[in-house]
Amino acid sequence: MHDAAYQKTFNRPQQEKIEKYIELAIEFNKTHNIFVRRDKEEILDKDIFDCSPLIKIIEPNKSIVDLGSGGGLPGVLLSITNPKNQITLIESSHKKCYFLKSLIHDLELTNTKVINTTLTEKNDIGVFDVITARAFAPIEKIIRLTKNNTHKQSIYYLLKGKDKKTINELKVINQKKYNYEIIKLDNKYFDRSLVVIKENE
């Protein structure tokens, strides 16, 4: 990871919280095995920078739900970098929810809450302006599971992998109802694109 890019992307208070987050994640991982990463550099390169394109495109004061937050990405990174957004982390694993709640406490992320649930079509977790996810589910399934959680102006920001697979996933969504954009991201570790989905006006 290049220090210059890190300095440019995150201000000093954000860097301090990100570094504390990584320390807490590595420590928790020693006994609970919540992700497969060796060290700080690998988490920075493969997780923090992987999710960082989301930071600048999300507007302030928008409510965000992060689906399948796992070890906290992109949700916790958005909490750190977008303090004016109310952020809800959805995670089905009790172990991961315990970790996320301890992170929120230790990092003083007062804009963030965790809901320990398995997302279903009949969920009542609320309505959000922005829905994010990384490696959670196929696009059509994400839209179907969140039909109770959107309004006309809600936007999906989904971090997806290989272009061919992403295009195939988009073929099965209702294109009369939704329009989408695929933004190719510069990532040396993964094939990565950001899929932006909105309802047609």
C-alpha atoms as a PDB file:
ATOM      1  CA  MET A   1       0.000   0.000   0.000  1.00  0.00           C
ATOM      2  CA  HIS A   2       1.322   3.432  -0.900  1.00  0.00           C
ATOM      3  CA  ASP A   3       1.582   5.865   2.015  1.00  0.00           C
ATOM      4  CA  ALA A   4       0.856   8.843  -0.244  1.00  0.00           C
ATOM      5  CA  ALA A   5      -2.491   7.380  -1.308  1.00  0.00           C
ATOM      6  CA  TYR A   6      -3.355   6.618   2.322  1.00  0.00           C
ATOM      7  CA  GLN A   7      -2.498  10.164   3.436  1.00  0.00           C
ATOM      8  CA  LYS A   8      -4.500  11.616   0.557  1.00  0.00           C
ATOM      9  CA  THR A   9      -7.580   9.451   1.129  1.00  0.00           C
ATOM     10  CA  PHE A  10      -7.870   9.776   4.918  1.00  0.00           C
ATOM     11  CA  ASN A  11      -7.243  12.681   7.269  1.00  0.00           C
ATOM     12  CA  ARG A  12      -5.254  12.157  10.473  1.00  0.00           C
ATOM     13  CA  PRO A  13      -8.193  11.528  12.853  1.00  0.00           C
ATOM     14  CA  GLN A  14      -9.611   9.027  10.368  1.00  0.00           C
ATOM     15  CA  GLN A  15      -6.228   7.301  10.042  1.00  0.00           C
ATOM     16  CA  GLU A  16      -6.023   6.952  13.822  1.00  0.00           C
ATOM     17  CA  LYS A  17      -9.454   5.288  13.989  1.00  0.00           C
ATOM     18  CA  ILE A  18      -8.701   3.051  11.006  1.00  0.00           C
ATOM     19  CA  GLU A  19      -5.450   1.925  12.602  1.00  0.00           C
ATOM     20  CA  LYS A  20      -7.227   1.235  15.895  1.00  0.00           C
ATOM     21  CA  TYR A  21      -9.920  -0.666  14.017  1.00  0.00           C
ATOM     22  CA  ILE A  22      -7.261  -2.842  12.360  1.00  0.00           C
ATOM     23  CA  GLU A  23      -5.543  -3.510  15.712  1.00  0.00           C
ATOM     24  CA  LEU A  24      -8.845  -4.543  17.294  1.00  0.00           C
ATOM     25  CA  ALA A  25      -9.724  -6.730  14.288  1.00  0.00           C
ATOM     26  CA  ILE A  26      -6.376  -8.545  14.339  1.00  0.00           C
ATOM     27  CA  GLU A  27      -6.619  -9.107  18.094  1.00  0.00           C
ATOM     28  CA  PHE A  28     -10.205 -10.405  17.913  1.00  0.00           C
ATOM     29  CA  ASN A  29      -9.305 -12.580  14.938  1.00  0.00           C
ATOM     30  CA  LYS A  30      -6.658 -14.462  16.952  1.00  0.00           C
ATOM     31  CA  THR A  31      -9.364 -16.182  18.961  1.00  0.00           C
ATOM     32  CA  HIS A  32     -12.492 -15.870  16.797  1.00  0.00           C
ATOM     33  CA  ASN A  33     -11.267 -16.231  13.206  1.00  0.00           C
ATOM     34  CA  ILE A  34     -13.640 -13.733  11.550  1.00  0.00           C
ATOM     35  CA  PHE A  35     -11.550 -13.101   8.435  1.00  0.00           C
ATOM     36  CA  VAL A  36      -8.515 -14.384   6.534  1.00  0.00           C
ATOM     37  CA  ARG A  37      -5.871 -11.668   6.728  1.00  0.00           C
ATOM     38  CA  ARG A  38      -2.304 -11.876   8.002  1.00  0.00           C
ATOM     39  CA  ASP A  39      -1.452  -8.359   9.120  1.00  0.00           C
ATOM     40  CA  LYS A  40      -2.164  -4.626   9.067  1.00  0.00           C
ATOM     41  CA  GLU A  41      -0.772  -4.085   5.561  1.00  0.00           C
ATOM     42  CA  GLU A  42      -2.970  -6.802   4.094  1.00  0.00           C
ATOM     43  CA  ILE A  43      -6.104  -5.363   5.732  1.00  0.00           C
ATOM     44  CA  LEU A  44      -5.211  -1.883   4.472  1.00  0.00           C
ATOM     45  CA  ASP A  45      -4.539  -3.108   0.943  1.00  0.00           C
ATOM     46  CA  LYS A  46      -7.307  -5.682   0.516  1.00  0.00           C
ATOM     47  CA  ASP A  47     -10.062  -4.243   2.691  1.00  0.00           C
ATOM     48  CA  ILE A  48      -9.689  -0.557   3.526  1.00  0.00           C
ATOM     49  CA  PHE A  49      -8.609   0.515   0.046  1.00  0.00           C
ATOM     50  CA  ASP A  50     -11.037  -1.929  -1.543  1.00  0.00           C
ATOM     51  CA  CYS A  51     -13.942  -0.116   0.155  1.00  0.00           C
ATOM     52  CA  SER A  52     -12.548   3.426   0.011  1.00  0.00           C
ATOM     53  CA  PRO A  53     -14.198   4.416  -3.342  1.00  0.00           C
ATOM     54  CA  LEU A  54     -17.513   4.507  -1.485  1.00  0.00           C
ATOM     55  CA  ILE A  55     -16.376   7.226   0.900  1.00  0.00           C
ATOM     56  CA  LYS A  56     -16.510  10.237  -1.384  1.00  0.00           C
ATOM     57  CA  ILE A  57     -19.663   9.369  -3.312  1.00  0.00           C
ATOM     58  CA  ILE A  58     -21.982   9.085  -0.323  1.00  0.00           C
ATOM     59  CA  GLU A  59     -23.635  12.376   0.527  1.00  0.00           C
ATOM     60  CA  PRO A  60     -23.741  13.669   4.137  1.00  0.00           C
ATOM     61  CA  ASN A  61     -26.873  13.200   6.244  1.00  0.00           C
ATOM     62  CA  LYS A  62     -28.026  10.140   4.308  1.00  0.00           C
ATOM     63  CA  SER A  63     -29.068   7.020   6.212  1.00  0.00           C
ATOM     64  CA  ILE A  64     -27.037   3.961   5.231  1.00  0.00           C
ATOM     65  CA  VAL A  65     -27.572   0.253   5.747  1.00  0.00           C
ATOM     66  CA  ASP A  66     -24.641  -2.112   5.178  1.00  0.00           C
ATOM     67  CA  LEU A  67     -25.739  -5.678   4.446  1.00  0.00           C
ATOM     68  CA  GLY A  68     -23.701  -8.558   5.827  1.00  0.00           C
ATOM     69  CA  SER A  69     -21.150  -6.299   7.511  1.00  0.00           C
ATOM     70  CA  GLY A  70     -19.028  -9.222   8.700  1.00  0.00           C
ATOM     71  CA  GLY A  71     -15.807  -7.803  10.102  1.00  0.00           C
ATOM     72  CA  GLY A  72     -17.075  -4.277   9.461  1.00  0.00           C
ATOM     73  CA  LEU A  73     -16.536  -3.458   5.808  1.00  0.00           C
ATOM     74  CA  PRO A  74     -17.572  -1.266   4.205  1.00  0.00           C
ATOM     75  CA  GLY A  75     -19.881  -0.241   7.072  1.00  0.00           C
ATOM     76  CA  VAL A  76     -17.375   0.651   9.797  1.00  0.00           C
ATOM     77  CA  LEU A  77     -15.117   2.450   7.327  1.00  0.00           C
ATOM     78  CA  LEU A  78     -18.127   4.570   6.299  1.00  0.00           C
ATOM     79  CA  SER A  79     -18.882   5.217   9.976  1.00  0.00           C
ATOM     80  CA  ILE A  80     -15.355   6.522  10.525  1.00  0.00           C
ATOM     81  CA  THR A  81     -15.215   8.680   7.402  1.00  0.00           C
ATOM     82  CA  ASN A  82     -18.837   9.875   7.212  1.00  0.00           C
ATOM     83  CA  PRO A  83     -19.773  10.952  10.762  1.00  0.00           C
ATOM     84  CA  LYS A  84     -22.806  12.914   9.507  1.00  0.00           C
ATOM     85  CA  ASN A  85     -24.434   9.729   8.202  1.00  0.00           C
ATOM     86  CA  GLN A  86     -26.541   7.412  10.337  1.00  0.00           C
ATOM     87  CA  ILE A  87     -25.255   3.902   9.636  1.00  0.00           C
ATOM     88  CA  THR A  88     -26.885   0.547  10.378  1.00  0.00           C
ATOM     89  CA  LEU A  89     -24.845  -2.653  10.159  1.00  0.00           C
ATOM     90  CA  ILE A  90     -26.780  -5.854   9.427  1.00  0.00           C
ATOM     91  CA  GLU A  91     -25.055  -9.106  10.366  1.00  0.00           C
ATOM     92  CA  SER A  92     -26.464 -12.585  11.052  1.00  0.00           C
ATOM     93  CA  SER A  93     -23.460 -13.959  12.992  1.00  0.00           C
ATOM     94  CA  HIS A  94     -23.619 -13.418  16.772  1.00  0.00           C
ATOM     95  CA  LYS A  95     -19.829 -13.552  16.964  1.00  0.00           C
ATOM     96  CA  LYS A  96     -19.369 -10.869  14.313  1.00  0.00           C
ATOM     97  CA  CYS A  97     -22.095  -8.695  15.878  1.00  0.00           C
ATOM     98  CA  TYR A  98     -20.301  -8.857  19.209  1.00  0.00           C
ATOM     99  CA  PHE A  99     -17.140  -7.657  17.469  1.00  0.00           C
ATOM    100  CA  LEU A 100     -18.990  -4.876  15.608  1.00  0.00           C
ATOM    101  CA  LYS A 101     -20.631  -3.626  18.811  1.00  0.00           C
ATOM    102  CA  SER A 102     -17.283  -3.603  20.616  1.00  0.00           C
ATOM    103  CA  LEU A 103     -15.791  -1.642  17.696  1.00  0.00           C
ATOM    104  CA  ILE A 104     -18.563   0.956  17.864  1.00  0.00           C
ATOM    105  CA  HIS A 105     -17.892   1.376  21.580  1.00  0.00           C
ATOM    106  CA  ASP A 106     -14.086   1.479  21.360  1.00  0.00           C
ATOM    107  CA  LEU A 107     -13.987   3.789  18.323  1.00  0.00           C
ATOM    108  CA  GLU A 108     -16.818   5.993  19.683  1.00  0.00           C
ATOM    109  CA  LEU A 109     -18.862   5.644  16.508  1.00  0.00           C
ATOM    110  CA  THR A 110     -21.999   7.321  17.812  1.00  0.00           C
ATOM    111  CA  ASN A 111     -23.541   7.392  14.326  1.00  0.00           C
ATOM    112  CA  THR A 112     -23.656   3.588  14.059  1.00  0.00           C
ATOM    113  CA  LYS A 113     -25.775   0.689  15.307  1.00  0.00           C
ATOM    114  CA  VAL A 114     -25.739  -3.074  14.745  1.00  0.00           C
ATOM    115  CA  ILE A 115     -28.737  -5.307  14.086  1.00  0.00           C
ATOM    116  CA  ASN A 116     -28.132  -9.024  14.586  1.00  0.00           C
ATOM    117  CA  THR A 117     -30.536 -10.592  12.094  1.00  0.00           C
ATOM    118  CA  THR A 118     -30.800 -12.673   8.968  1.00  0.00           C
ATOM    119  CA  LEU A 119     -32.272 -10.398   6.326  1.00  0.00           C
ATOM    120  CA  THR A 120     -35.620 -11.531   4.905  1.00  0.00           C
ATOM    121  CA  GLU A 121     -38.087  -9.994   2.484  1.00  0.00           C
ATOM    122  CA  LYS A 122     -40.495  -9.288   5.361  1.00  0.00           C
ATOM    123  CA  ASN A 123     -37.886  -7.534   7.529  1.00  0.00           C
ATOM    124  CA  ASP A 124     -38.764  -4.402   9.497  1.00  0.00           C
ATOM    125  CA  ILE A 125     -35.282  -2.898   9.936  1.00  0.00           C
ATOM    126  CA  GLY A 126     -36.365   0.438   8.462  1.00  0.00           C
ATOM    127  CA  VAL A 127     -36.089   2.545   5.311  1.00  0.00           C
ATOM    128  CA  PHE A 128     -32.715   3.878   4.136  1.00  0.00           C
ATOM    129  CA  ASP A 129     -31.328   6.359   1.609  1.00  0.00           C
ATOM    130  CA  VAL A 130     -28.302   4.197   0.754  1.00  0.00           C
ATOM    131  CA  ILE A 131     -27.791   0.420   0.707  1.00  0.00           C
ATOM    132  CA  THR A 132     -24.242  -0.930   0.588  1.00  0.00           C
ATOM    133  CA  ALA A 133     -22.851  -4.447   0.409  1.00  0.00           C
ATOM    134  CA  ARG A 134     -19.628  -6.268  -0.367  1.00  0.00           C
ATOM    135  CA  ALA A 135     -19.719  -9.987  -1.172  1.00  0.00           C
ATOM    136  CA  PHE A 136     -23.174 -10.356   0.368  1.00  0.00           C
ATOM    137  CA  ALA A 137     -25.466 -11.822  -2.303  1.00  0.00           C
ATOM    138  CA  PRO A 138     -26.350 -11.635  -6.014  1.00  0.00           C
ATOM    139  CA  ILE A 139     -27.795  -8.262  -7.047  1.00  0.00           C
ATOM    140  CA  GLU A 140     -31.338  -9.508  -7.688  1.00  0.00           C
ATOM    141  CA  LYS A 141     -31.432 -11.117  -4.249  1.00  0.00           C
ATOM    142  CA  ILE A 142     -30.197  -7.909  -2.581  1.00  0.00           C
ATOM    143  CA  ILE A 143     -32.971  -5.916  -4.276  1.00  0.00           C
ATOM    144  CA  ARG A 144     -35.575  -8.526  -3.338  1.00  0.00           C
ATOM    145  CA  LEU A 145     -34.479  -8.716   0.317  1.00  0.00           C
ATOM    146  CA  THR A 146     -34.533  -4.921   0.680  1.00  0.00           C
ATOM    147  CA  LYS A 147     -37.905  -4.172  -0.922  1.00  0.00           C
ATOM    148  CA  ASN A 148     -39.167  -3.006   2.523  1.00  0.00           C
ATOM    149  CA  ASN A 149     -36.090  -0.811   3.058  1.00  0.00           C
ATOM    150  CA  THR A 150     -36.102   1.631   0.160  1.00  0.00           C
ATOM    151  CA  HIS A 151     -37.932   4.728  -1.033  1.00  0.00           C
ATOM    152  CA  LYS A 152     -38.060   6.177  -4.560  1.00  0.00           C
ATOM    153  CA  GLN A 153     -34.700   7.970  -4.196  1.00  0.00           C
ATOM    154  CA  SER A 154     -32.796   5.171  -2.458  1.00  0.00           C
ATOM    155  CA  ILE A 155     -29.471   4.222  -4.058  1.00  0.00           C
ATOM    156  CA  TYR A 156     -27.635   0.892  -4.006  1.00  0.00           C
ATOM    157  CA  TYR A 157     -23.821   1.018  -3.949  1.00  0.00           C
ATOM    158  CA  LEU A 158     -22.653  -2.576  -4.358  1.00  0.00           C
ATOM    159  CA  LEU A 159     -19.006  -3.651  -4.506  1.00  0.00           C
ATOM    160  CA  LYS A 160     -18.924  -6.517  -6.993  1.00  0.00           C
ATOM    161  CA  GLY A 161     -16.302  -8.743  -8.578  1.00  0.00           C
ATOM    162  CA  LYS A 162     -15.743 -10.115 -12.081  1.00  0.00           C
ATOM    163  CA  ASP A 163     -17.381  -8.077 -14.858  1.00  0.00           C
ATOM    164  CA  LYS A 164     -18.992 -11.063 -16.591  1.00  0.00           C
ATOM    165  CA  LYS A 165     -20.615 -12.308 -13.385  1.00  0.00           C
ATOM    166  CA  THR A 166     -21.800  -8.792 -12.501  1.00  0.00           C
ATOM    167  CA  ILE A 167     -23.347  -8.282 -15.950  1.00  0.00           C
ATOM    168  CA  ASN A 168     -25.119 -11.644 -15.666  1.00  0.00           C
ATOM    169  CA  GLU A 169     -26.481 -10.634 -12.246  1.00  0.00           C
ATOM    170  CA  LEU A 170     -27.789  -7.362 -13.678  1.00  0.00           C
ATOM    171  CA  LYS A 171     -29.582  -9.135 -16.545  1.00  0.00           C
ATOM    172  CA  VAL A 172     -32.146 -10.598 -14.142  1.00  0.00           C
ATOM    173  CA  ILE A 173     -33.154  -7.414 -12.335  1.00  0.00           C
ATOM    174  CA  ASN A 174     -36.269  -5.507 -13.412  1.00  0.00           C
ATOM    175  CA  GLN A 175     -34.771  -3.025 -15.872  1.00  0.00           C
ATOM    176  CA  LYS A 176     -38.088  -1.233 -16.356  1.00  0.00           C
ATOM    177  CA  LYS A 177     -37.956  -0.320 -12.684  1.00  0.00           C
ATOM    178  CA  TYR A 178     -34.196   0.160 -12.155  1.00  0.00           C
ATOM    179  CA  ASN A 179     -31.323   1.768 -13.983  1.00  0.00           C
ATOM    180  CA  TYR A 180     -27.710   0.962 -13.194  1.00  0.00           C
ATOM    181  CA  GLU A 181     -24.142   2.053 -13.781  1.00  0.00           C
ATOM    182  CA  ILE A 182     -21.016  -0.112 -13.513  1.00  0.00           C
ATOM    183  CA  ILE A 183     -17.939   1.825 -12.396  1.00  0.00           C
ATOM    184  CA  LYS A 184     -14.686  -0.081 -12.933  1.00  0.00           C
ATOM    185  CA  LEU A 185     -12.366   0.410  -9.952  1.00  0.00           C
ATOM    186  CA  ASP A 186      -8.582   0.377  -9.951  1.00  0.00           C
ATOM    187  CA  ASN A 187      -7.714  -2.519  -7.667  1.00  0.00           C
ATOM    188  CA  LYS A 188      -4.499  -4.527  -7.976  1.00  0.00           C
ATOM    189  CA  TYR A 189      -5.798  -7.427  -5.852  1.00  0.00           C
ATOM    190  CA  PHE A 190      -9.303  -8.055  -7.205  1.00  0.00           C
ATOM    191  CA  ASP A 191     -11.464  -7.569 -10.256  1.00  0.00           C
ATOM    192  CA  ARG A 192     -13.603  -4.894  -8.684  1.00  0.00           C
ATOM    193  CA  SER A 193     -16.438  -2.682  -9.824  1.00  0.00           C
ATOM    194  CA  LEU A 194     -18.945  -0.496  -8.069  1.00  0.00           C
ATOM    195  CA  VAL A 195     -22.515  -1.059  -9.212  1.00  0.00           C
ATOM    196  CA  VAL A 196     -24.826   1.907  -8.662  1.00  0.00           C
ATOM    197  CA  ILE A 197     -28.552   1.134  -8.899  1.00  0.00           C
ATOM    198  CA  LYS A 198     -31.470   3.575  -8.689  1.00  0.00           C
ATOM    199  CA  GLU A 199     -35.155   3.415  -9.459  1.00  0.00           C
ATOM    200  CA  ASN A 200     -36.159   4.920 -12.794  1.00  0.00           C
ATOM    201  CA  GLU A 201     -37.951   8.236 -12.410  1.00  0.00           C
END
